[in-house]
């Protein structure tokens, strides 16, 4: 593993993947390589991608409303500090669960990965969308009113001023400055 230039995590069960590696020497080695080696890449698909950040969605009720206590979060690998990733985002209608996780952790960006699409993150904050689908970015940093602190179990959550960006192939976002750059379509 010391000599590896790329490590790829496959899908499966994000809880199982995280628990297997969370306290391991391998995870520490991968974190060091990710932070220190310019030519090292770590990637994942499905549950493998969801495990990359510090916070991971383990389970959530996938309904039309955000309900208090309907989501279970845990710690992920921590390769990326300030985001929460969800996969099959459009196909499985996971906007509500990612929005809920992001509302609970407003310091994090919600990243919803669509089918056949990736988000390449360089230096921990420069992100570029690649693929034929889309990546949805949820920003809860400027939320106004919300009832997350006072809602009882099973009651709906509301949030004011939740922001969403939709990235397609070659769109970029800088997570440190919140600057969005659309893709060049070739038309003037």
N, C-alpha and C. Protein backbone atom coordinates (compact mmCIF):
# COMPACT_ATOMS: atom_id res chain seq x y z
N UNK A 1 0.82 -1.20 0.00
CA UNK A 1 0.00 0.00 0.00
C UNK A 1 0.86 1.26 0.00
N UNK A 2 2.03 1.20 0.62
CA UNK A 2 2.95 2.35 0.63
C UNK A 2 3.27 2.82 -0.78
N UNK A 3 3.39 1.90 -1.73
CA UNK A 3 3.78 2.25 -3.09
C UNK A 3 2.60 2.61 -3.99
N UNK A 4 1.37 2.40 -3.52
CA UNK A 4 0.18 2.63 -4.35
C UNK A 4 0.06 4.10 -4.74
N UNK A 5 -0.36 4.32 -5.97
CA UNK A 5 -0.63 5.67 -6.47
C UNK A 5 -2.13 5.95 -6.50
N UNK A 6 -2.94 4.89 -6.49
CA UNK A 6 -4.39 5.02 -6.50
C UNK A 6 -4.99 3.91 -5.64
N UNK A 7 -5.99 4.26 -4.84
CA UNK A 7 -6.76 3.27 -4.07
C UNK A 7 -8.22 3.54 -4.36
N UNK A 8 -8.96 2.48 -4.70
CA UNK A 8 -10.37 2.60 -5.07
C UNK A 8 -11.21 1.74 -4.13
N UNK A 9 -12.23 2.36 -3.52
CA UNK A 9 -13.16 1.65 -2.65
C UNK A 9 -14.43 1.35 -3.43
N UNK A 10 -14.85 0.09 -3.41
CA UNK A 10 -16.06 -0.31 -4.11
C UNK A 10 -17.28 -0.05 -3.23
N UNK A 11 -18.43 -0.40 -3.74
CA UNK A 11 -19.67 -0.21 -3.01
C UNK A 11 -19.89 -1.30 -1.98
N UNK A 12 -21.09 -1.36 -1.49
CA UNK A 12 -21.45 -2.32 -0.46
C UNK A 12 -22.20 -1.64 0.66
N UNK A 13 -21.76 -1.83 1.87
CA UNK A 13 -22.38 -1.26 3.06
C UNK A 13 -21.41 -0.27 3.67
N UNK A 14 -21.77 1.02 3.65
CA UNK A 14 -20.85 2.04 4.15
C UNK A 14 -20.51 1.85 5.63
N UNK A 15 -21.43 1.36 6.41
CA UNK A 15 -21.14 1.11 7.82
C UNK A 15 -20.07 0.03 7.95
N UNK A 16 -20.21 -1.02 7.19
CA UNK A 16 -19.24 -2.12 7.25
C UNK A 16 -17.85 -1.67 6.78
N UNK A 17 -17.82 -0.90 5.69
CA UNK A 17 -16.54 -0.41 5.17
C UNK A 17 -15.86 0.49 6.20
N UNK A 18 -16.63 1.44 6.74
CA UNK A 18 -16.05 2.38 7.72
C UNK A 18 -15.58 1.67 8.97
N UNK A 19 -16.38 0.78 9.49
CA UNK A 19 -16.01 0.08 10.73
C UNK A 19 -14.77 -0.79 10.54
N UNK A 20 -14.65 -1.40 9.36
CA UNK A 20 -13.50 -2.28 9.11
C UNK A 20 -12.19 -1.50 9.07
N UNK A 21 -12.23 -0.26 8.61
CA UNK A 21 -11.00 0.49 8.43
C UNK A 21 -10.83 1.68 9.38
N UNK A 22 -11.86 2.02 10.11
CA UNK A 22 -11.86 3.25 10.90
C UNK A 22 -10.67 3.38 11.85
N UNK A 23 -10.35 2.37 12.58
CA UNK A 23 -9.26 2.43 13.56
C UNK A 23 -8.03 1.66 13.10
N UNK A 24 -7.88 1.48 11.80
CA UNK A 24 -6.79 0.65 11.30
C UNK A 24 -5.56 1.47 10.90
N UNK A 25 -4.45 0.79 10.84
CA UNK A 25 -3.21 1.39 10.36
C UNK A 25 -3.36 1.77 8.89
N UNK A 26 -4.13 0.97 8.14
CA UNK A 26 -4.35 1.23 6.72
C UNK A 26 -5.04 2.58 6.51
N UNK A 27 -6.05 2.88 7.30
CA UNK A 27 -6.73 4.17 7.16
C UNK A 27 -5.77 5.32 7.45
N UNK A 28 -4.96 5.18 8.48
CA UNK A 28 -3.99 6.22 8.80
C UNK A 28 -2.97 6.40 7.67
N UNK A 29 -2.53 5.30 7.07
CA UNK A 29 -1.60 5.37 5.95
C UNK A 29 -2.25 6.09 4.77
N UNK A 30 -3.49 5.74 4.45
CA UNK A 30 -4.19 6.37 3.33
C UNK A 30 -4.41 7.86 3.58
N UNK A 31 -4.76 8.23 4.81
CA UNK A 31 -4.94 9.66 5.14
C UNK A 31 -3.63 10.42 4.94
N UNK A 32 -2.54 9.84 5.38
CA UNK A 32 -1.25 10.50 5.23
C UNK A 32 -0.91 10.67 3.75
N UNK A 33 -1.09 9.60 2.97
CA UNK A 33 -0.79 9.67 1.54
C UNK A 33 -1.67 10.71 0.85
N UNK A 34 -2.95 10.75 1.21
CA UNK A 34 -3.89 11.70 0.60
C UNK A 34 -3.48 13.14 0.91
N UNK A 35 -3.06 13.40 2.12
CA UNK A 35 -2.69 14.76 2.53
C UNK A 35 -1.31 15.19 2.02
N UNK A 36 -0.39 14.24 1.89
CA UNK A 36 1.01 14.60 1.64
C UNK A 36 1.53 14.30 0.23
N UNK A 37 0.93 13.37 -0.49
CA UNK A 37 1.48 12.97 -1.79
C UNK A 37 0.66 13.59 -2.94
N UNK A 38 1.30 14.42 -3.73
CA UNK A 38 0.62 15.10 -4.84
C UNK A 38 0.12 14.15 -5.91
N UNK A 39 0.78 13.02 -6.11
CA UNK A 39 0.40 12.10 -7.19
C UNK A 39 -0.44 10.92 -6.70
N UNK A 40 -1.00 11.02 -5.49
CA UNK A 40 -1.83 9.95 -4.95
C UNK A 40 -3.30 10.28 -5.13
N UNK A 41 -4.10 9.28 -5.54
CA UNK A 41 -5.54 9.47 -5.71
C UNK A 41 -6.28 8.41 -4.92
N UNK A 42 -7.33 8.85 -4.23
CA UNK A 42 -8.22 7.91 -3.55
C UNK A 42 -9.60 8.13 -4.13
N UNK A 43 -10.29 7.04 -4.44
CA UNK A 43 -11.58 7.13 -5.11
C UNK A 43 -12.53 6.10 -4.54
N UNK A 44 -13.81 6.29 -4.83
CA UNK A 44 -14.81 5.32 -4.38
C UNK A 44 -16.07 5.44 -5.19
N UNK A 45 -16.82 4.36 -5.21
CA UNK A 45 -18.12 4.35 -5.85
C UNK A 45 -19.14 3.90 -4.82
N UNK A 46 -20.34 4.41 -4.91
CA UNK A 46 -21.44 4.03 -4.03
C UNK A 46 -21.03 4.18 -2.57
N UNK A 47 -21.13 3.12 -1.78
CA UNK A 47 -20.77 3.19 -0.36
C UNK A 47 -19.31 3.57 -0.16
N UNK A 48 -18.46 3.19 -1.09
CA UNK A 48 -17.05 3.56 -1.02
C UNK A 48 -16.85 5.06 -1.09
N UNK A 49 -17.64 5.75 -1.90
CA UNK A 49 -17.57 7.21 -1.99
C UNK A 49 -18.16 7.85 -0.73
N UNK A 50 -19.23 7.28 -0.22
CA UNK A 50 -19.89 7.84 0.97
C UNK A 50 -18.97 7.84 2.19
N UNK A 51 -18.04 6.90 2.25
CA UNK A 51 -17.14 6.77 3.41
C UNK A 51 -16.01 7.79 3.43
N UNK A 52 -15.76 8.48 2.35
CA UNK A 52 -14.60 9.37 2.24
C UNK A 52 -14.60 10.54 3.25
N UNK A 53 -15.73 11.20 3.50
CA UNK A 53 -15.69 12.35 4.41
C UNK A 53 -15.61 11.97 5.88
N UNK A 54 -15.56 12.98 6.70
CA UNK A 54 -15.53 12.82 8.15
C UNK A 54 -16.87 12.29 8.68
N UNK A 55 -17.97 12.67 8.00
CA UNK A 55 -19.32 12.26 8.41
C UNK A 55 -19.93 11.42 7.30
N UNK A 56 -20.56 10.31 7.66
CA UNK A 56 -21.18 9.41 6.70
C UNK A 56 -22.63 9.14 7.10
N UNK A 57 -23.51 9.07 6.09
CA UNK A 57 -24.90 8.68 6.32
C UNK A 57 -24.94 7.16 6.38
N UNK A 58 -25.42 6.62 7.50
CA UNK A 58 -25.54 5.16 7.61
C UNK A 58 -26.92 4.70 7.16
N UNK A 59 -27.93 5.33 7.68
CA UNK A 59 -29.31 4.97 7.38
C UNK A 59 -30.16 6.23 7.41
N UNK A 60 -31.22 6.23 6.64
CA UNK A 60 -32.17 7.33 6.68
C UNK A 60 -33.48 6.86 6.09
N UNK A 61 -34.57 7.39 6.62
CA UNK A 61 -35.87 7.14 6.03
C UNK A 61 -35.94 8.03 4.81
N UNK A 62 -36.23 7.44 3.67
CA UNK A 62 -36.22 8.18 2.42
C UNK A 62 -37.65 8.59 2.05
N UNK A 63 -38.18 9.57 2.79
CA UNK A 63 -39.54 10.03 2.54
C UNK A 63 -39.56 11.41 1.94
N UNK A 64 -40.76 11.97 1.84
CA UNK A 64 -40.90 13.29 1.27
C UNK A 64 -40.60 14.40 2.26
N UNK A 65 -40.70 14.12 3.55
CA UNK A 65 -40.44 15.13 4.57
C UNK A 65 -39.18 14.75 5.36
N UNK A 66 -38.51 15.77 5.86
CA UNK A 66 -37.39 15.54 6.77
C UNK A 66 -38.01 15.41 8.17
N UNK A 67 -37.86 14.26 8.78
CA UNK A 67 -38.43 14.04 10.10
C UNK A 67 -37.30 13.95 11.12
N UNK A 68 -37.53 14.55 12.28
CA UNK A 68 -36.52 14.50 13.33
C UNK A 68 -36.26 13.05 13.73
N UNK A 69 -35.01 12.71 13.90
CA UNK A 69 -34.53 11.37 14.28
C UNK A 69 -34.78 10.32 13.21
N UNK A 70 -34.87 10.71 11.93
CA UNK A 70 -35.06 9.72 10.87
C UNK A 70 -33.77 9.44 10.11
N UNK A 71 -32.65 9.91 10.65
CA UNK A 71 -31.36 9.73 9.98
C UNK A 71 -30.32 9.28 10.99
N UNK A 72 -29.45 8.39 10.54
CA UNK A 72 -28.35 7.93 11.40
C UNK A 72 -27.03 8.27 10.72
N UNK A 73 -26.23 9.07 11.41
CA UNK A 73 -24.92 9.49 10.90
C UNK A 73 -23.83 8.89 11.78
N UNK A 74 -22.66 8.74 11.20
CA UNK A 74 -21.52 8.22 11.96
C UNK A 74 -20.26 8.85 11.38
N UNK A 75 -19.12 8.48 11.92
CA UNK A 75 -17.87 9.01 11.40
C UNK A 75 -17.38 8.14 10.25
N UNK A 76 -16.88 8.83 9.21
CA UNK A 76 -16.30 8.16 8.06
C UNK A 76 -14.79 8.18 8.15
N UNK A 77 -14.12 8.07 7.01
CA UNK A 77 -12.66 8.03 6.96
C UNK A 77 -12.02 9.36 7.29
N UNK A 78 -12.69 10.46 6.99
CA UNK A 78 -12.12 11.77 7.28
C UNK A 78 -11.10 12.26 6.27
N UNK A 79 -11.12 11.70 5.06
CA UNK A 79 -10.20 12.19 4.02
C UNK A 79 -10.58 13.62 3.63
N UNK A 80 -11.88 13.90 3.66
CA UNK A 80 -12.39 15.23 3.35
C UNK A 80 -13.14 15.70 4.60
N UNK A 81 -12.75 16.85 5.11
CA UNK A 81 -13.29 17.32 6.39
C UNK A 81 -14.69 17.92 6.29
N UNK A 82 -14.99 18.65 5.24
CA UNK A 82 -16.14 19.54 5.27
C UNK A 82 -17.26 19.16 4.30
N UNK A 83 -17.54 17.87 4.16
CA UNK A 83 -18.66 17.48 3.29
C UNK A 83 -19.29 16.18 3.79
N UNK A 84 -20.48 15.93 3.26
CA UNK A 84 -21.20 14.68 3.45
C UNK A 84 -21.60 14.23 2.06
N UNK A 85 -21.32 12.99 1.70
CA UNK A 85 -21.57 12.50 0.35
C UNK A 85 -22.71 11.49 0.36
N UNK A 86 -23.60 11.62 -0.63
CA UNK A 86 -24.63 10.62 -0.87
C UNK A 86 -24.55 10.20 -2.33
N UNK A 87 -24.93 8.98 -2.61
CA UNK A 87 -24.80 8.44 -3.97
C UNK A 87 -26.16 8.01 -4.51
N UNK A 88 -26.22 7.70 -5.80
CA UNK A 88 -27.49 7.40 -6.49
C UNK A 88 -28.50 8.49 -6.18
N UNK A 89 -28.01 9.70 -6.13
CA UNK A 89 -28.74 10.83 -5.57
C UNK A 89 -30.06 11.12 -6.28
N UNK A 90 -30.05 11.24 -7.59
CA UNK A 90 -31.27 11.55 -8.33
C UNK A 90 -32.10 10.28 -8.50
N UNK A 91 -31.46 9.20 -8.91
CA UNK A 91 -32.15 7.94 -9.20
C UNK A 91 -32.95 7.42 -8.00
N UNK A 92 -32.41 7.57 -6.80
CA UNK A 92 -33.08 7.06 -5.60
C UNK A 92 -33.73 8.17 -4.77
N UNK A 93 -33.86 9.35 -5.34
CA UNK A 93 -34.55 10.49 -4.71
C UNK A 93 -34.04 10.73 -3.28
N UNK A 94 -32.76 11.02 -3.15
CA UNK A 94 -32.14 11.15 -1.83
C UNK A 94 -31.90 12.60 -1.41
N UNK A 95 -32.56 13.55 -2.06
CA UNK A 95 -32.38 14.95 -1.70
C UNK A 95 -32.72 15.20 -0.22
N UNK A 96 -33.83 14.67 0.23
CA UNK A 96 -34.31 14.93 1.59
C UNK A 96 -33.29 14.44 2.62
N UNK A 97 -32.75 13.26 2.44
CA UNK A 97 -31.83 12.74 3.46
C UNK A 97 -30.51 13.49 3.46
N UNK A 98 -30.00 13.90 2.29
CA UNK A 98 -28.77 14.68 2.27
C UNK A 98 -29.00 16.09 2.81
N UNK A 99 -30.15 16.67 2.49
CA UNK A 99 -30.49 17.99 3.05
C UNK A 99 -30.55 17.90 4.56
N UNK A 100 -31.15 16.86 5.10
CA UNK A 100 -31.26 16.70 6.55
C UNK A 100 -29.87 16.60 7.19
N UNK A 101 -29.01 15.76 6.61
CA UNK A 101 -27.66 15.62 7.15
C UNK A 101 -26.93 16.95 7.12
N UNK A 102 -27.09 17.71 6.04
CA UNK A 102 -26.42 18.99 5.89
C UNK A 102 -26.98 20.03 6.85
N UNK A 103 -28.28 20.02 7.07
CA UNK A 103 -28.89 20.94 8.04
C UNK A 103 -28.36 20.65 9.44
N UNK A 104 -28.18 19.38 9.76
CA UNK A 104 -27.64 19.00 11.08
C UNK A 104 -26.16 19.37 11.22
N UNK A 105 -25.44 19.42 10.11
CA UNK A 105 -24.01 19.74 10.10
C UNK A 105 -23.77 20.86 9.10
N UNK A 106 -24.16 22.06 9.48
CA UNK A 106 -24.15 23.20 8.57
C UNK A 106 -22.75 23.61 8.12
N UNK A 107 -21.73 23.13 8.79
CA UNK A 107 -20.35 23.41 8.38
C UNK A 107 -19.95 22.56 7.18
N UNK A 108 -20.76 21.57 6.83
CA UNK A 108 -20.45 20.64 5.74
C UNK A 108 -21.24 20.95 4.48
N UNK A 109 -20.62 20.68 3.36
CA UNK A 109 -21.30 20.72 2.08
C UNK A 109 -21.96 19.37 1.85
N UNK A 110 -23.18 19.35 1.36
CA UNK A 110 -23.83 18.10 0.96
C UNK A 110 -23.50 17.85 -0.50
N UNK A 111 -22.98 16.68 -0.81
CA UNK A 111 -22.62 16.33 -2.18
C UNK A 111 -23.46 15.13 -2.61
N UNK A 112 -24.36 15.34 -3.56
CA UNK A 112 -25.21 14.28 -4.09
C UNK A 112 -24.71 13.85 -5.45
N UNK A 113 -24.14 12.65 -5.53
CA UNK A 113 -23.57 12.15 -6.78
C UNK A 113 -24.62 11.42 -7.60
N UNK A 114 -24.78 11.84 -8.85
CA UNK A 114 -25.69 11.16 -9.76
C UNK A 114 -25.02 9.96 -10.41
N UNK A 115 -25.80 9.23 -11.18
CA UNK A 115 -25.28 8.07 -11.91
C UNK A 115 -24.27 8.52 -12.96
N UNK A 116 -23.28 7.70 -13.22
CA UNK A 116 -22.28 7.94 -14.26
C UNK A 116 -21.62 9.31 -14.10
N UNK A 117 -21.44 9.75 -12.87
CA UNK A 117 -20.88 11.07 -12.60
C UNK A 117 -19.98 11.01 -11.38
N UNK A 118 -18.92 11.80 -11.42
CA UNK A 118 -17.98 11.85 -10.30
C UNK A 118 -17.70 13.31 -9.96
N UNK A 119 -17.21 13.52 -8.76
CA UNK A 119 -16.73 14.83 -8.35
C UNK A 119 -15.26 14.65 -7.98
N UNK A 120 -14.39 15.23 -8.77
CA UNK A 120 -12.96 15.17 -8.53
C UNK A 120 -12.61 16.32 -7.59
N UNK A 121 -12.12 15.98 -6.40
CA UNK A 121 -11.77 17.00 -5.41
C UNK A 121 -10.25 17.00 -5.26
N UNK A 122 -9.66 18.15 -5.54
CA UNK A 122 -8.22 18.31 -5.44
C UNK A 122 -7.89 19.29 -4.33
N UNK A 123 -6.81 19.00 -3.62
CA UNK A 123 -6.34 19.83 -2.52
C UNK A 123 -7.39 20.00 -1.42
N UNK A 124 -8.38 19.11 -1.40
CA UNK A 124 -9.39 19.13 -0.35
C UNK A 124 -10.51 20.12 -0.54
N UNK A 125 -10.44 20.98 -1.58
CA UNK A 125 -11.50 21.99 -1.73
C UNK A 125 -11.83 22.38 -3.17
N UNK A 126 -11.00 22.05 -4.15
CA UNK A 126 -11.26 22.39 -5.55
C UNK A 126 -11.97 21.21 -6.21
N UNK A 127 -13.24 21.39 -6.56
CA UNK A 127 -14.04 20.28 -7.07
C UNK A 127 -14.46 20.51 -8.52
N UNK A 128 -14.36 19.44 -9.31
CA UNK A 128 -14.77 19.48 -10.72
C UNK A 128 -15.68 18.28 -10.98
N UNK A 129 -16.82 18.55 -11.60
CA UNK A 129 -17.76 17.50 -11.97
C UNK A 129 -17.30 16.84 -13.26
N UNK A 130 -17.38 15.51 -13.31
CA UNK A 130 -17.04 14.75 -14.50
C UNK A 130 -18.12 13.71 -14.74
N UNK A 131 -18.56 13.57 -15.99
CA UNK A 131 -19.51 12.52 -16.32
C UNK A 131 -20.73 13.03 -17.05
N UNK A 132 -21.64 12.11 -17.36
CA UNK A 132 -22.83 12.45 -18.15
C UNK A 132 -24.02 12.89 -17.31
N UNK A 133 -23.95 12.71 -16.00
CA UNK A 133 -25.07 13.09 -15.13
C UNK A 133 -24.81 14.41 -14.43
N UNK A 134 -25.20 14.47 -13.16
CA UNK A 134 -25.03 15.71 -12.41
C UNK A 134 -24.60 15.42 -10.98
N UNK A 135 -24.02 16.45 -10.37
CA UNK A 135 -23.70 16.42 -8.95
C UNK A 135 -24.43 17.60 -8.32
N UNK A 136 -25.15 17.33 -7.27
CA UNK A 136 -25.90 18.37 -6.56
C UNK A 136 -25.12 18.74 -5.31
N UNK A 137 -24.97 20.03 -5.08
CA UNK A 137 -24.26 20.53 -3.92
C UNK A 137 -25.27 21.28 -3.05
N UNK A 138 -25.38 20.89 -1.78
CA UNK A 138 -26.29 21.54 -0.84
C UNK A 138 -25.46 22.32 0.16
N UNK A 139 -25.82 23.57 0.32
CA UNK A 139 -25.12 24.48 1.22
C UNK A 139 -26.10 24.97 2.28
N UNK A 140 -25.84 24.62 3.53
CA UNK A 140 -26.72 25.02 4.64
C UNK A 140 -26.06 26.07 5.53
N UNK A 141 -24.97 26.65 5.08
CA UNK A 141 -24.20 27.58 5.92
C UNK A 141 -24.94 28.87 6.21
N UNK A 142 -25.88 29.25 5.38
CA UNK A 142 -26.60 30.51 5.59
C UNK A 142 -28.06 30.28 5.97
N UNK A 143 -28.34 29.13 6.56
CA UNK A 143 -29.71 28.83 6.97
C UNK A 143 -30.20 29.90 7.95
N UNK A 144 -31.43 30.31 7.74
CA UNK A 144 -32.06 31.24 8.67
C UNK A 144 -32.80 30.43 9.73
N UNK A 145 -34.08 30.39 9.60
CA UNK A 145 -34.91 29.69 10.57
C UNK A 145 -34.90 28.18 10.32
N UNK A 146 -34.83 27.42 11.40
CA UNK A 146 -34.98 25.97 11.36
C UNK A 146 -35.43 25.51 12.74
N UNK A 147 -36.09 24.39 12.77
CA UNK A 147 -36.59 23.86 14.04
C UNK A 147 -35.85 22.59 14.48
N UNK A 148 -34.64 22.39 13.98
CA UNK A 148 -33.91 21.16 14.31
C UNK A 148 -33.63 21.02 15.80
N UNK A 149 -33.48 22.12 16.50
CA UNK A 149 -33.17 22.07 17.94
C UNK A 149 -34.39 21.71 18.78
N UNK A 150 -35.60 21.99 18.27
CA UNK A 150 -36.78 21.81 19.13
C UNK A 150 -37.79 20.78 18.63
N UNK A 151 -37.59 20.24 17.45
CA UNK A 151 -38.55 19.27 16.91
C UNK A 151 -38.47 17.95 17.67
N UNK A 152 -39.62 17.39 17.94
CA UNK A 152 -39.68 16.09 18.61
C UNK A 152 -39.58 14.97 17.58
N UNK A 153 -39.29 13.78 18.05
CA UNK A 153 -39.14 12.62 17.18
C UNK A 153 -40.37 12.46 16.30
N UNK A 154 -40.12 12.31 15.00
CA UNK A 154 -41.20 12.09 14.05
C UNK A 154 -41.83 13.34 13.48
N UNK A 155 -41.45 14.52 13.99
CA UNK A 155 -42.01 15.77 13.49
C UNK A 155 -41.16 16.30 12.34
N UNK A 156 -41.80 16.99 11.39
CA UNK A 156 -41.05 17.49 10.23
C UNK A 156 -40.12 18.65 10.58
N UNK A 157 -39.01 18.69 9.85
CA UNK A 157 -38.00 19.74 9.99
C UNK A 157 -38.20 20.76 8.88
N UNK A 158 -38.06 22.01 9.20
CA UNK A 158 -38.07 23.04 8.17
C UNK A 158 -36.74 23.80 8.21
N UNK A 159 -36.42 24.43 7.10
CA UNK A 159 -35.19 25.21 7.01
C UNK A 159 -35.38 26.32 5.99
N UNK A 160 -34.92 27.48 6.35
CA UNK A 160 -34.99 28.65 5.47
C UNK A 160 -33.62 28.89 4.84
N UNK A 161 -33.61 29.21 3.57
CA UNK A 161 -32.41 29.66 2.86
C UNK A 161 -31.40 28.54 2.61
N UNK A 162 -31.87 27.33 2.40
CA UNK A 162 -31.00 26.23 1.99
C UNK A 162 -30.65 26.46 0.53
N UNK A 163 -29.36 26.40 0.19
CA UNK A 163 -28.93 26.68 -1.18
C UNK A 163 -28.51 25.40 -1.88
N UNK A 164 -28.78 25.36 -3.19
CA UNK A 164 -28.45 24.18 -4.00
C UNK A 164 -27.75 24.63 -5.27
N UNK A 165 -26.68 23.92 -5.62
CA UNK A 165 -25.98 24.11 -6.89
C UNK A 165 -26.09 22.80 -7.65
N UNK A 166 -26.26 22.87 -8.95
CA UNK A 166 -26.28 21.66 -9.79
C UNK A 166 -25.11 21.76 -10.75
N UNK A 167 -24.20 20.81 -10.65
CA UNK A 167 -23.01 20.77 -11.49
C UNK A 167 -23.18 19.70 -12.56
N UNK A 168 -22.73 20.00 -13.76
CA UNK A 168 -22.66 19.02 -14.84
C UNK A 168 -21.20 18.95 -15.29
N UNK A 169 -20.93 18.17 -16.31
CA UNK A 169 -19.56 17.92 -16.75
C UNK A 169 -18.76 19.22 -16.89
N UNK A 170 -17.63 19.25 -16.24
CA UNK A 170 -16.67 20.36 -16.23
C UNK A 170 -17.08 21.57 -15.41
N UNK A 171 -18.22 21.57 -14.74
CA UNK A 171 -18.53 22.65 -13.79
C UNK A 171 -17.61 22.49 -12.59
N UNK A 172 -17.28 23.63 -11.98
CA UNK A 172 -16.36 23.60 -10.84
C UNK A 172 -16.96 24.38 -9.67
N UNK A 173 -16.57 23.98 -8.47
CA UNK A 173 -16.92 24.74 -7.27
C UNK A 173 -15.72 24.69 -6.33
N UNK A 174 -15.45 25.81 -5.72
CA UNK A 174 -14.38 25.93 -4.75
C UNK A 174 -15.02 25.93 -3.38
N UNK A 175 -14.81 24.87 -2.61
CA UNK A 175 -15.45 24.74 -1.31
C UNK A 175 -14.91 25.73 -0.28
N UNK A 176 -13.74 26.30 -0.52
CA UNK A 176 -13.20 27.26 0.45
C UNK A 176 -13.77 28.66 0.23
N UNK A 177 -14.08 29.02 -1.01
CA UNK A 177 -14.58 30.37 -1.30
C UNK A 177 -16.03 30.39 -1.75
N UNK A 178 -16.64 29.23 -2.00
CA UNK A 178 -18.01 29.11 -2.48
C UNK A 178 -18.17 29.67 -3.89
N UNK A 179 -17.09 29.74 -4.65
CA UNK A 179 -17.17 30.24 -6.02
C UNK A 179 -17.55 29.10 -6.95
N UNK A 180 -18.55 29.34 -7.79
CA UNK A 180 -19.06 28.39 -8.77
C UNK A 180 -18.61 28.82 -10.15
N UNK A 181 -18.18 27.87 -10.97
CA UNK A 181 -17.80 28.16 -12.34
C UNK A 181 -18.51 27.18 -13.26
N UNK A 182 -19.39 27.70 -14.09
CA UNK A 182 -20.10 26.85 -15.04
C UNK A 182 -19.18 26.32 -16.11
N UNK A 183 -19.60 25.27 -16.79
CA UNK A 183 -18.80 24.67 -17.86
C UNK A 183 -18.92 25.51 -19.12
N UNK A 184 -17.87 25.54 -19.89
CA UNK A 184 -17.89 26.24 -21.18
C UNK A 184 -18.68 25.39 -22.16
N UNK A 185 -19.77 25.91 -22.69
CA UNK A 185 -20.63 25.15 -23.61
C UNK A 185 -20.17 25.27 -25.06
N UNK A 186 -19.21 26.15 -25.33
CA UNK A 186 -18.74 26.32 -26.68
C UNK A 186 -19.54 27.33 -27.47
N UNK A 187 -20.63 27.86 -26.90
CA UNK A 187 -21.45 28.87 -27.57
C UNK A 187 -21.17 30.23 -26.96
N UNK A 188 -21.21 31.26 -27.78
CA UNK A 188 -20.99 32.63 -27.30
C UNK A 188 -22.30 33.35 -27.11
